[in-house]
Amino acid sequence: MNRLVLWNIDHTLVDVGRVARECYAEAFRRTTGRPMVRLAPMPGRTESEIIFETLAFNDIVTTDDHLPAFMEALAAAFDTRRADLRTHGRILTGAAEALSALGRLPGTVQSVLTGSIEPVARIKVTELGLARHLDLDAGGYETGVYSKAATLELVRRRAGEARGVTFGESDTVYVADSPRDVQAAHIARSPIIAVATGSATEAELRSAGAEVVLPDLSDTDAVVAAVTRLTGS
C-alpha cells in the first residue's frame, strides 16, 4: 500500500499568526519603503494573494518586481525570527501525535501542501519540531504560478518519482482547514480531511464538501481511521 498524506501548515498544524503579522509588516516596509497600515486576510490563502491584496489595501501600485521582492523579504523576516516562532508559535492540539501515528503506517509518506513559500514553510515546521515527520523536499509550496490544485498534482507525481511508486488520486489525502482547500482537493480529485481549527466552522467545511470533518486533531485514532478509510485501506 502506497499512501500520501499532505498537510496544510497554518491553522492545521501550527498557529504562528503573531510572528507572521510582524514578518509581513517588515517585508512590506523593506519592499515599499513605507509602513504597512492594513494586512489582507490570511486564512486559506496563498502568499501571493495575501501580498498583492496587502499592497492594494495600502495604495501601492504594483509592478512585476513587487512579488519576488516581497517574497524574498518575507523569507528573510521569518529567518530572523526563528526564536520568536519557538516562543510565540504553537503546535495545534494533536498535530504532533497525528503526524507520528501516521508515520508508523506502512507505505505512508507525509509531506506538505501549503500556501506559504518554501523557505517560510520550512522554517515554520522546523522551528516547531514537526519537520522530522515530513518529506519537505516533496512538498508543494506557493510560487505565484500554480494553484493549490495543480500543486497537489505536482506533489503527487514528485513524491512518487522519488520513490519509484505511483500515488494515485485515491491514494492521496489532504488535511487542511478551509473551504478553499476543500475545493483544491476536489479539483485534483483527492479526498480531504477538514479540521475546524482555522476560521471555518465544521458546518462550513461540510457544506464545502469535505469527505471528513473533525473539530481538531486531538483524536489521533479518528485521524488515522479517516486517512486509512479515505485511501482505501
C-alpha atoms as a PDB file:
ATOM      1  CA  MET A   1       0.000   0.000   0.000  1.00  0.00           C
ATOM      2  CA  ASN A   2       1.374   3.394  -1.013  1.00  0.00           C
ATOM      3  CA  ARG A   3      -0.299   6.330   0.686  1.00  0.00           C
ATOM      4  CA  LEU A   4       0.479  10.053   0.501  1.00  0.00           C
ATOM      5  CA  VAL A   5      -0.760  12.372   3.251  1.00  0.00           C
ATOM      6  CA  LEU A   6      -0.401  16.078   2.535  1.00  0.00           C
ATOM      7  CA  TRP A   7      -0.729  18.637   5.296  1.00  0.00           C
ATOM      8  CA  ASN A   8      -1.634  22.261   5.185  1.00  0.00           C
ATOM      9  CA  ILE A   9       0.538  24.121   7.704  1.00  0.00           C
ATOM     10  CA  ASP A  10      -1.062  27.296   9.084  1.00  0.00           C
ATOM     11  CA  HIS A  11      -4.109  26.701  11.272  1.00  0.00           C
ATOM     12  CA  THR A  12      -3.946  22.973  10.549  1.00  0.00           C
ATOM     13  CA  LEU A  13      -0.633  22.011  12.153  1.00  0.00           C
ATOM     14  CA  VAL A  14       0.532  25.285  13.707  1.00  0.00           C
ATOM     15  CA  ASP A  15      -0.519  28.784  14.704  1.00  0.00           C
ATOM     16  CA  VAL A  16       2.184  31.387  14.093  1.00  0.00           C
ATOM     17  CA  GLY A  17      -0.131  34.326  13.459  1.00  0.00           C
ATOM     18  CA  ARG A  18       1.604  36.841  15.716  1.00  0.00           C
ATOM     19  CA  VAL A  19       5.015  36.289  14.150  1.00  0.00           C
ATOM     20  CA  ALA A  20       3.555  36.156  10.642  1.00  0.00           C
ATOM     21  CA  ARG A  21       1.964  39.580  11.034  1.00  0.00           C
ATOM     22  CA  GLU A  22       5.275  41.026  12.211  1.00  0.00           C
ATOM     23  CA  CYS A  23       7.066  39.447   9.258  1.00  0.00           C
ATOM     24  CA  TYR A  24       4.574  40.829   6.777  1.00  0.00           C
ATOM     25  CA  ALA A  25       4.946  44.302   8.255  1.00  0.00           C
ATOM     26  CA  GLU A  26       8.735  44.119   7.944  1.00  0.00           C
ATOM     27  CA  ALA A  27       8.607  42.712   4.423  1.00  0.00           C
ATOM     28  CA  PHE A  28       6.163  45.428   3.363  1.00  0.00           C
ATOM     29  CA  ARG A  29       8.449  48.142   4.710  1.00  0.00           C
ATOM     30  CA  ARG A  30      11.521  46.647   3.043  1.00  0.00           C
ATOM     31  CA  THR A  31       9.703  46.258  -0.273  1.00  0.00           C
ATOM     32  CA  THR A  32       7.893  49.595  -0.443  1.00  0.00           C
ATOM     33  CA  GLY A  33       9.779  51.873   1.944  1.00  0.00           C
ATOM     34  CA  ARG A  34       6.507  52.596   3.766  1.00  0.00           C
ATOM     35  CA  PRO A  35       4.864  51.252   6.923  1.00  0.00           C
ATOM     36  CA  MET A  36       2.077  48.725   6.446  1.00  0.00           C
ATOM     37  CA  VAL A  37      -1.278  50.075   7.597  1.00  0.00           C
ATOM     38  CA  ARG A  38      -3.510  47.133   6.730  1.00  0.00           C
ATOM     39  CA  LEU A  39      -2.790  43.433   6.238  1.00  0.00           C
ATOM     40  CA  ALA A  40      -5.019  41.365   3.957  1.00  0.00           C
ATOM     41  CA  PRO A  41      -6.948  38.415   5.431  1.00  0.00           C
ATOM     42  CA  MET A  42      -4.681  35.366   5.627  1.00  0.00           C
ATOM     43  CA  PRO A  43      -6.709  32.175   6.361  1.00  0.00           C
ATOM     44  CA  GLY A  44      -6.887  29.745   3.467  1.00  0.00           C
ATOM     45  CA  ARG A  45      -4.978  31.977   1.083  1.00  0.00           C
ATOM     46  CA  THR A  46      -1.674  31.746  -0.737  1.00  0.00           C
ATOM     47  CA  GLU A  47       1.250  34.035  -0.067  1.00  0.00           C
ATOM     48  CA  SER A  48       0.896  35.790  -3.438  1.00  0.00           C
ATOM     49  CA  GLU A  49      -2.797  36.510  -2.819  1.00  0.00           C
ATOM     50  CA  ILE A  50      -2.025  37.995   0.592  1.00  0.00           C
ATOM     51  CA  ILE A  51       0.866  40.043  -0.775  1.00  0.00           C
ATOM     52  CA  PHE A  52      -0.992  41.537  -3.741  1.00  0.00           C
ATOM     53  CA  GLU A  53      -4.072  42.366  -1.684  1.00  0.00           C
ATOM     54  CA  THR A  54      -1.972  43.877   1.105  1.00  0.00           C
ATOM     55  CA  LEU A  55      -0.188  46.081  -1.420  1.00  0.00           C
ATOM     56  CA  ALA A  56      -3.549  47.167  -2.848  1.00  0.00           C
ATOM     57  CA  PHE A  57      -5.012  47.854   0.604  1.00  0.00           C
ATOM     58  CA  ASN A  58      -2.072  50.153   1.271  1.00  0.00           C
ATOM     59  CA  ASP A  59      -2.399  52.036  -2.043  1.00  0.00           C
ATOM     60  CA  ILE A  60       0.712  50.582  -3.650  1.00  0.00           C
ATOM     61  CA  VAL A  61       0.640  50.438  -7.444  1.00  0.00           C
ATOM     62  CA  THR A  62       2.174  47.032  -8.107  1.00  0.00           C
ATOM     63  CA  THR A  63       4.786  46.166 -10.719  1.00  0.00           C
ATOM     64  CA  ASP A  64       6.284  42.857 -11.831  1.00  0.00           C
ATOM     65  CA  ASP A  65       9.071  43.343  -9.302  1.00  0.00           C
ATOM     66  CA  HIS A  66       6.886  43.574  -6.223  1.00  0.00           C
ATOM     67  CA  LEU A  67       6.010  39.896  -5.754  1.00  0.00           C
ATOM     68  CA  PRO A  68       9.529  38.407  -5.906  1.00  0.00           C
ATOM     69  CA  ALA A  69      10.925  41.257  -3.806  1.00  0.00           C
ATOM     70  CA  PHE A  70       8.211  40.840  -1.175  1.00  0.00           C
ATOM     71  CA  MET A  71       8.673  37.062  -1.063  1.00  0.00           C
ATOM     72  CA  GLU A  72      12.411  37.444  -0.590  1.00  0.00           C
ATOM     73  CA  ALA A  73      11.894  39.990   2.184  1.00  0.00           C
ATOM     74  CA  LEU A  74       9.282  37.781   3.844  1.00  0.00           C
ATOM     75  CA  ALA A  75      11.629  34.788   3.891  1.00  0.00           C
ATOM     76  CA  ALA A  76      14.354  36.956   5.418  1.00  0.00           C
ATOM     77  CA  ALA A  77      11.963  38.284   8.064  1.00  0.00           C
ATOM     78  CA  PHE A  78      10.971  34.769   9.136  1.00  0.00           C
ATOM     79  CA  ASP A  79      14.602  33.675   9.178  1.00  0.00           C
ATOM     80  CA  THR A  80      15.493  36.404  11.670  1.00  0.00           C
ATOM     81  CA  ARG A  81      12.522  35.488  13.871  1.00  0.00           C
ATOM     82  CA  ARG A  82      13.187  31.794  14.369  1.00  0.00           C
ATOM     83  CA  ALA A  83      13.425  32.250  18.132  1.00  0.00           C
ATOM     84  CA  ASP A  84      10.142  34.199  18.130  1.00  0.00           C
ATOM     85  CA  LEU A  85       8.451  31.290  16.349  1.00  0.00           C
ATOM     86  CA  ARG A  86       9.586  28.930  19.089  1.00  0.00           C
ATOM     87  CA  THR A  87       8.405  31.360  21.762  1.00  0.00           C
ATOM     88  CA  HIS A  88       5.142  32.641  20.333  1.00  0.00           C
ATOM     89  CA  GLY A  89       4.159  29.967  17.813  1.00  0.00           C
ATOM     90  CA  ARG A  90       2.344  26.823  18.863  1.00  0.00           C
ATOM     91  CA  ILE A  91       1.646  23.364  17.556  1.00  0.00           C
ATOM     92  CA  LEU A  92      -2.085  22.834  17.398  1.00  0.00           C
ATOM     93  CA  THR A  93      -3.627  20.213  19.660  1.00  0.00           C
ATOM     94  CA  GLY A  94      -2.987  16.678  18.443  1.00  0.00           C
ATOM     95  CA  ALA A  95      -0.929  17.663  15.404  1.00  0.00           C
ATOM     96  CA  ALA A  96       2.354  16.135  16.531  1.00  0.00           C
ATOM     97  CA  GLU A  97       0.615  12.965  17.698  1.00  0.00           C
ATOM     98  CA  ALA A  98      -1.258  12.591  14.393  1.00  0.00           C
ATOM     99  CA  LEU A  99       1.938  13.040  12.378  1.00  0.00           C
ATOM    100  CA  SER A 100       3.743  10.485  14.497  1.00  0.00           C
ATOM    101  CA  ALA A 101       0.937   7.920  14.313  1.00  0.00           C
ATOM    102  CA  LEU A 102       0.549   8.232  10.543  1.00  0.00           C
ATOM    103  CA  GLY A 103       4.293   7.968  10.128  1.00  0.00           C
ATOM    104  CA  ARG A 104       4.117   4.479  11.623  1.00  0.00           C
ATOM    105  CA  LEU A 105       1.645   3.243   8.997  1.00  0.00           C
ATOM    106  CA  PRO A 106       3.438   1.064   6.412  1.00  0.00           C
ATOM    107  CA  GLY A 107       3.836   2.664   3.000  1.00  0.00           C
ATOM    108  CA  THR A 108       2.786   6.113   4.192  1.00  0.00           C
ATOM    109  CA  VAL A 109       4.605   9.257   3.076  1.00  0.00           C
ATOM    110  CA  GLN A 110       3.779  12.605   4.651  1.00  0.00           C
ATOM    111  CA  SER A 111       4.518  15.996   3.148  1.00  0.00           C
ATOM    112  CA  VAL A 112       3.008  19.476   2.948  1.00  0.00           C
ATOM    113  CA  LEU A 113       0.753  21.354   0.572  1.00  0.00           C
ATOM    114  CA  THR A 114       0.736  24.952   1.689  1.00  0.00           C
ATOM    115  CA  GLY A 115       0.092  28.495   0.579  1.00  0.00           C
ATOM    116  CA  SER A 116       3.413  29.526   2.142  1.00  0.00           C
ATOM    117  CA  ILE A 117       6.559  29.969   0.098  1.00  0.00           C
ATOM    118  CA  GLU A 118       9.067  27.169   0.613  1.00  0.00           C
ATOM    119  CA  PRO A 119      11.624  28.940   2.856  1.00  0.00           C
ATOM    120  CA  VAL A 120       8.878  30.161   5.187  1.00  0.00           C
ATOM    121  CA  ALA A 121       7.116  26.791   5.279  1.00  0.00           C
ATOM    122  CA  ARG A 122      10.344  25.010   6.144  1.00  0.00           C
ATOM    123  CA  ILE A 123      11.129  27.467   8.925  1.00  0.00           C
ATOM    124  CA  LYS A 124       7.674  27.101  10.493  1.00  0.00           C
ATOM    125  CA  VAL A 125       7.664  23.311  10.741  1.00  0.00           C
ATOM    126  CA  THR A 126      11.367  23.068  11.590  1.00  0.00           C
ATOM    127  CA  GLU A 127      11.339  25.566  14.436  1.00  0.00           C
ATOM    128  CA  LEU A 128       8.228  23.989  15.945  1.00  0.00           C
ATOM    129  CA  GLY A 129       9.694  20.489  15.760  1.00  0.00           C
ATOM    130  CA  LEU A 130       7.470  18.903  13.126  1.00  0.00           C
ATOM    131  CA  ALA A 131       9.883  18.597  10.202  1.00  0.00           C
ATOM    132  CA  ARG A 132      11.129  15.143  11.186  1.00  0.00           C
ATOM    133  CA  HIS A 133       7.742  13.684  10.266  1.00  0.00           C
ATOM    134  CA  LEU A 134       7.588  15.280   6.808  1.00  0.00           C
ATOM    135  CA  ASP A 135       9.298  14.850   3.449  1.00  0.00           C
ATOM    136  CA  LEU A 136       9.696  18.555   2.780  1.00  0.00           C
ATOM    137  CA  ASP A 137      11.615  18.004  -0.459  1.00  0.00           C
ATOM    138  CA  ALA A 138       8.447  16.541  -1.973  1.00  0.00           C
ATOM    139  CA  GLY A 139       6.251  19.346  -0.666  1.00  0.00           C
ATOM    140  CA  GLY A 140       4.036  21.769  -2.543  1.00  0.00           C
ATOM    141  CA  TYR A 141       4.679  25.442  -1.913  1.00  0.00           C
ATOM    142  CA  GLU A 142       3.435  28.783  -3.164  1.00  0.00           C
ATOM    143  CA  THR A 143       5.338  30.093  -6.164  1.00  0.00           C
ATOM    144  CA  GLY A 144       2.871  32.609  -7.545  1.00  0.00           C
ATOM    145  CA  VAL A 145       2.407  30.347 -10.583  1.00  0.00           C
ATOM    146  CA  TYR A 146       0.341  27.265  -9.748  1.00  0.00           C
ATOM    147  CA  SER A 147      -2.959  26.894  -7.944  1.00  0.00           C
ATOM    148  CA  LYS A 148      -3.126  24.597  -4.923  1.00  0.00           C
ATOM    149  CA  ALA A 149      -4.974  22.019  -7.005  1.00  0.00           C
ATOM    150  CA  ALA A 150      -2.247  21.996  -9.646  1.00  0.00           C
ATOM    151  CA  THR A 151       0.419  21.923  -6.950  1.00  0.00           C
ATOM    152  CA  LEU A 152      -1.241  18.910  -5.333  1.00  0.00           C
ATOM    153  CA  GLU A 153      -0.902  17.024  -8.593  1.00  0.00           C
ATOM    154  CA  LEU A 154       2.744  18.080  -8.895  1.00  0.00           C
ATOM    155  CA  VAL A 155       3.482  16.869  -5.353  1.00  0.00           C
ATOM    156  CA  ARG A 156       1.787  13.540  -6.041  1.00  0.00           C
ATOM    157  CA  ARG A 157       3.998  12.989  -9.073  1.00  0.00           C
ATOM    158  CA  ARG A 158       7.190  14.277  -7.422  1.00  0.00           C
ATOM    159  CA  ALA A 159       6.766  12.127  -4.327  1.00  0.00           C
ATOM    160  CA  GLY A 160       6.063   9.060  -6.433  1.00  0.00           C
ATOM    161  CA  GLU A 161       9.001   9.562  -8.768  1.00  0.00           C
ATOM    162  CA  ALA A 162      11.365   9.944  -5.820  1.00  0.00           C
ATOM    163  CA  ARG A 163      10.282   6.532  -4.515  1.00  0.00           C
ATOM    164  CA  GLY A 164       9.657   4.674  -7.750  1.00  0.00           C
ATOM    165  CA  VAL A 165       5.968   4.256  -6.946  1.00  0.00           C
ATOM    166  CA  THR A 166       2.708   5.807  -8.055  1.00  0.00           C
ATOM    167  CA  PHE A 167       0.486   7.818  -5.745  1.00  0.00           C
ATOM    168  CA  GLY A 168      -2.899   7.847  -7.406  1.00  0.00           C
ATOM    169  CA  GLU A 169      -5.693  10.310  -6.757  1.00  0.00           C
ATOM    170  CA  SER A 170      -7.364   7.972  -4.267  1.00  0.00           C
ATOM    171  CA  ASP A 171      -4.012   7.173  -2.588  1.00  0.00           C
ATOM    172  CA  THR A 172      -3.568  10.814  -1.631  1.00  0.00           C
ATOM    173  CA  VAL A 173      -5.396  12.615   1.156  1.00  0.00           C
ATOM    174  CA  TYR A 174      -5.115  16.282   2.064  1.00  0.00           C
ATOM    175  CA  VAL A 175      -5.561  17.539   5.636  1.00  0.00           C
ATOM    176  CA  ALA A 176      -6.440  21.230   5.824  1.00  0.00           C
ATOM    177  CA  ASP A 177      -8.766  23.757   7.416  1.00  0.00           C
ATOM    178  CA  SER A 178     -10.511  25.963   4.848  1.00  0.00           C
ATOM    179  CA  PRO A 179     -13.266  25.619   2.232  1.00  0.00           C
ATOM    180  CA  ARG A 180     -10.787  26.761  -0.396  1.00  0.00           C
ATOM    181  CA  ASP A 181      -8.582  23.800   0.493  1.00  0.00           C
ATOM    182  CA  VAL A 182     -11.583  21.511   0.072  1.00  0.00           C
ATOM    183  CA  GLN A 183     -12.139  22.945  -3.385  1.00  0.00           C
ATOM    184  CA  ALA A 184      -8.475  22.473  -4.333  1.00  0.00           C
ATOM    185  CA  ALA A 185      -8.503  18.835  -3.231  1.00  0.00           C
ATOM    186  CA  HIS A 186     -11.644  18.107  -5.215  1.00  0.00           C
ATOM    187  CA  ILE A 187     -10.278  19.755  -8.364  1.00  0.00           C
ATOM    188  CA  ALA A 188      -7.259  17.455  -8.000  1.00  0.00           C
ATOM    189  CA  ARG A 189      -9.662  14.521  -7.409  1.00  0.00           C
ATOM    190  CA  SER A 190      -8.283  13.655  -3.979  1.00  0.00           C
ATOM    191  CA  PRO A 191     -10.230  13.338  -0.720  1.00  0.00           C
ATOM    192  CA  ILE A 192      -9.744  15.782   2.111  1.00  0.00           C
ATOM    193  CA  ILE A 193      -9.955  15.704   5.878  1.00  0.00           C
ATOM    194  CA  ALA A 194     -11.016  19.174   7.000  1.00  0.00           C
ATOM    195  CA  VAL A 195     -10.364  20.330  10.553  1.00  0.00           C
ATOM    196  CA  ALA A 196     -12.189  23.266  12.115  1.00  0.00           C
ATOM    197  CA  THR A 197      -9.039  24.771  13.601  1.00  0.00           C
ATOM    198  CA  GLY A 198      -8.965  27.795  11.293  1.00  0.00           C
ATOM    199  CA  SER A 199     -11.611  30.402  10.592  1.00  0.00           C
ATOM    200  CA  ALA A 200     -14.146  27.980   9.063  1.00  0.00           C
ATOM    201  CA  THR A 201     -16.722  26.128  11.121  1.00  0.00           C
ATOM    202  CA  GLU A 202     -17.444  22.428  10.880  1.00  0.00           C
ATOM    203  CA  ALA A 203     -20.736  23.263   9.140  1.00  0.00           C
ATOM    204  CA  GLU A 204     -18.935  25.400   6.539  1.00  0.00           C
ATOM    205  CA  LEU A 205     -16.418  22.646   5.866  1.00  0.00           C
ATOM    206  CA  ARG A 206     -19.159  20.059   5.443  1.00  0.00           C
ATOM    207  CA  SER A 207     -21.048  22.411   3.144  1.00  0.00           C
ATOM    208  CA  ALA A 208     -17.896  22.794   1.039  1.00  0.00           C
ATOM    209  CA  GLY A 209     -17.928  19.033   0.515  1.00  0.00           C
ATOM    210  CA  ALA A 210     -15.137  17.709   2.725  1.00  0.00           C
ATOM    211  CA  GLU A 211     -15.244  13.909   2.953  1.00  0.00           C
ATOM    212  CA  VAL A 212     -14.375  14.002   6.659  1.00  0.00           C
ATOM    213  CA  VAL A 213     -14.724  16.914   9.067  1.00  0.00           C
ATOM    214  CA  LEU A 214     -13.091  16.888  12.505  1.00  0.00           C
ATOM    215  CA  PRO A 215     -13.206  19.592  15.186  1.00  0.00           C
ATOM    216  CA  ASP A 216      -9.415  19.328  15.538  1.00  0.00           C
ATOM    217  CA  LEU A 217      -6.630  16.740  15.527  1.00  0.00           C
ATOM    218  CA  SER A 218      -6.918  15.789  19.187  1.00  0.00           C
ATOM    219  CA  ASP A 219      -8.410  12.336  18.495  1.00  0.00           C
ATOM    220  CA  THR A 220      -5.426  10.570  16.955  1.00  0.00           C
ATOM    221  CA  ASP A 221      -7.340   7.353  16.343  1.00  0.00           C
ATOM    222  CA  ALA A 222     -10.021   9.268  14.424  1.00  0.00           C
ATOM    223  CA  VAL A 223      -7.401  10.942  12.232  1.00  0.00           C
ATOM    224  CA  VAL A 224      -5.677   7.644  11.432  1.00  0.00           C
ATOM    225  CA  ALA A 225      -9.002   5.920  10.781  1.00  0.00           C
ATOM    226  CA  ALA A 226     -10.079   8.702   8.410  1.00  0.00           C
ATOM    227  CA  VAL A 227      -6.816   8.555   6.470  1.00  0.00           C
ATOM    228  CA  THR A 228      -6.909   4.776   6.094  1.00  0.00           C
ATOM    229  CA  ARG A 229     -10.572   4.786   5.099  1.00  0.00           C
ATOM    230  CA  LEU A 230     -10.196   7.528   2.516  1.00  0.00           C
ATOM    231  CA  THR A 231      -7.160   5.884   0.959  1.00  0.00           C
ATOM    232  CA  GLY A 232      -8.934   2.546   0.719  1.00  0.00           C
ATOM    233  CA  SER A 233      -7.143   0.505   3.300  1.00  0.00           C
END
